[in-house]
Every structure is written in structure tokens, then in C-alpha cells.
Protein backbone atom coordinates (compact mmCIF):
# COMPACT_ATOMS: atom_id res chain seq x y z
CA MET A 1 24.04 17.43 48.69
CA SER A 2 25.54 19.81 46.12
CA GLN A 3 26.62 18.99 42.55
CA PRO A 4 30.34 19.10 41.72
CA LYS A 5 31.31 22.26 39.82
CA ASN A 6 33.20 20.45 37.06
CA ARG A 7 30.14 18.48 35.93
CA LYS A 8 29.11 19.65 32.44
CA GLN A 9 25.75 19.17 30.86
CA ILE A 10 26.01 17.08 27.72
CA GLU A 11 24.11 18.65 24.86
CA GLU A 12 23.61 16.56 21.76
CA GLU A 13 20.86 15.74 19.38
CA LEU A 14 20.67 12.05 18.58
CA GLY A 15 19.97 11.01 15.03
CA ARG A 16 20.97 14.32 13.46
CA ASN A 17 23.72 14.47 10.85
CA ASN A 18 25.25 17.95 10.62
CA PHE A 19 27.28 17.13 7.49
CA SER A 20 24.49 16.25 5.05
CA PRO A 21 22.78 19.10 3.20
CA ASN A 22 19.31 17.56 3.65
CA THR A 23 18.78 15.84 7.00
CA ASN A 24 15.03 15.46 6.65
CA PRO A 25 13.63 12.07 5.64
CA TYR A 26 12.51 11.72 2.04
CA GLN A 27 8.83 11.57 1.19
CA TYR A 28 7.28 8.88 -0.95
CA TRP A 29 6.60 11.35 -3.79
CA GLU A 30 10.30 12.37 -3.88
CA VAL A 31 11.65 9.02 -5.16
CA SER A 32 13.76 9.72 -8.25
CA GLY A 33 12.41 8.28 -11.47
CA VAL A 34 8.94 7.79 -9.98
CA GLU A 35 6.11 10.26 -10.57
CA VAL A 36 3.12 10.09 -8.22
CA ASP A 37 -0.15 11.75 -9.30
CA LEU A 38 -2.78 11.96 -6.56
CA TYR A 39 -5.88 14.11 -7.07
CA PRO A 40 -9.59 14.25 -6.16
CA ILE A 41 -12.10 13.11 -8.74
CA GLU A 42 -15.91 13.20 -8.24
CA GLY A 43 -15.88 12.67 -4.46
CA LYS A 44 -13.12 10.07 -4.63
CA TYR A 45 -9.34 10.17 -4.94
CA ALA A 46 -7.34 8.90 -7.89
CA VAL A 47 -3.71 7.74 -7.89
CA GLN A 48 -1.45 6.92 -10.79
CA ILE A 49 2.23 6.09 -10.45
CA GLU A 50 4.58 6.28 -13.43
CA VAL A 51 8.09 4.79 -13.40
CA SER A 52 10.27 6.37 -16.08
CA SER A 53 13.09 3.81 -15.98
CA ASP A 54 10.76 0.77 -16.21
CA PRO A 55 7.24 1.48 -17.51
CA SER A 56 6.15 -2.09 -16.72
CA LEU A 57 6.26 -1.12 -13.01
CA SER A 58 3.87 1.80 -13.52
CA SER A 59 0.43 1.45 -11.98
CA PRO A 60 -2.82 2.13 -13.82
CA LEU A 61 -5.15 4.88 -12.60
CA ARG A 62 -6.81 3.65 -9.39
CA THR A 63 -9.61 5.31 -7.43
CA PHE A 64 -10.15 5.21 -3.66
CA ASN A 65 -13.02 6.32 -1.43
CA ASP A 66 -10.91 8.63 0.73
CA GLU A 67 -7.58 10.40 0.69
CA SER A 68 -5.93 8.27 3.38
CA GLU A 69 -6.48 5.09 1.33
CA ALA A 70 -5.01 6.77 -1.75
CA VAL A 71 -1.96 8.04 0.16
CA HIS A 72 -1.45 4.60 1.72
CA PHE A 73 -1.52 2.93 -1.71
CA ALA A 74 0.88 5.51 -3.17
CA ARG A 75 3.32 5.11 -0.28
CA LYS A 76 3.30 1.31 -0.37
CA TYR A 77 3.54 1.14 -4.16
CA THR A 78 6.47 3.56 -4.36
CA GLU A 79 8.27 1.55 -1.64
CA PHE A 80 7.69 -1.59 -3.73
CA VAL A 81 8.98 0.10 -6.89
CA GLN A 82 12.03 1.40 -5.06
CA LYS A 83 12.87 -2.10 -3.79
CA VAL A 84 12.51 -3.61 -7.27
CA LEU A 85 14.67 -0.89 -8.84
CA ASN A 86 17.33 -1.27 -6.13
CA GLN A 87 17.48 -5.03 -6.78
CA LYS A 88 17.93 -4.43 -10.51
CA ASP A 89 20.86 -2.07 -9.81
CA SER A 90 22.65 -4.64 -7.62
């Protein structure tokens, strides 16, 4: 059985916004007002997060055994800070 000739193939990309200048998701280190410092130190990894708008939310220097633990902490902590700051703005 043949396909009708007037049938067009629909071409679209779901989830893409062509009007925004930056369509990529933001990274945890790109949160405005939050500075994330992650670096190796003597076989371990250190993370310190500074919040310029509310220094009481800043974290002290913490060390982790591997990089994935340090990245996980940084990601979760910046998400927490972002939620707290968004609630203060509301």
C-alpha cells in the first residue's frame, strides 16, 4: 500500500525555545550571587560556597574524599541557597 503524496513529515524539536538567547540549562556554579570554589587539596577535594547577598548562607571549607562527593555537595548546597534566596524575594 502506498503513502498519500500530500502527507508531510513533521519536523520539530521538543523542548527547544528558539526565542531565548541561551537555551542550555544553567549549571550549579552559574547561580548569580553564589560563588563556588572546588579544588583538589592533598589527595582530597575541597569545596567552599560563598553567598554575596547573605553571608550567613555561605558554607565553610569542606573536604571530601573524591571529586564526585564534592560536586554533589556543591550542587545540592547551591540548590538549597537558591531556594532560600527565592523565598526571601517573594
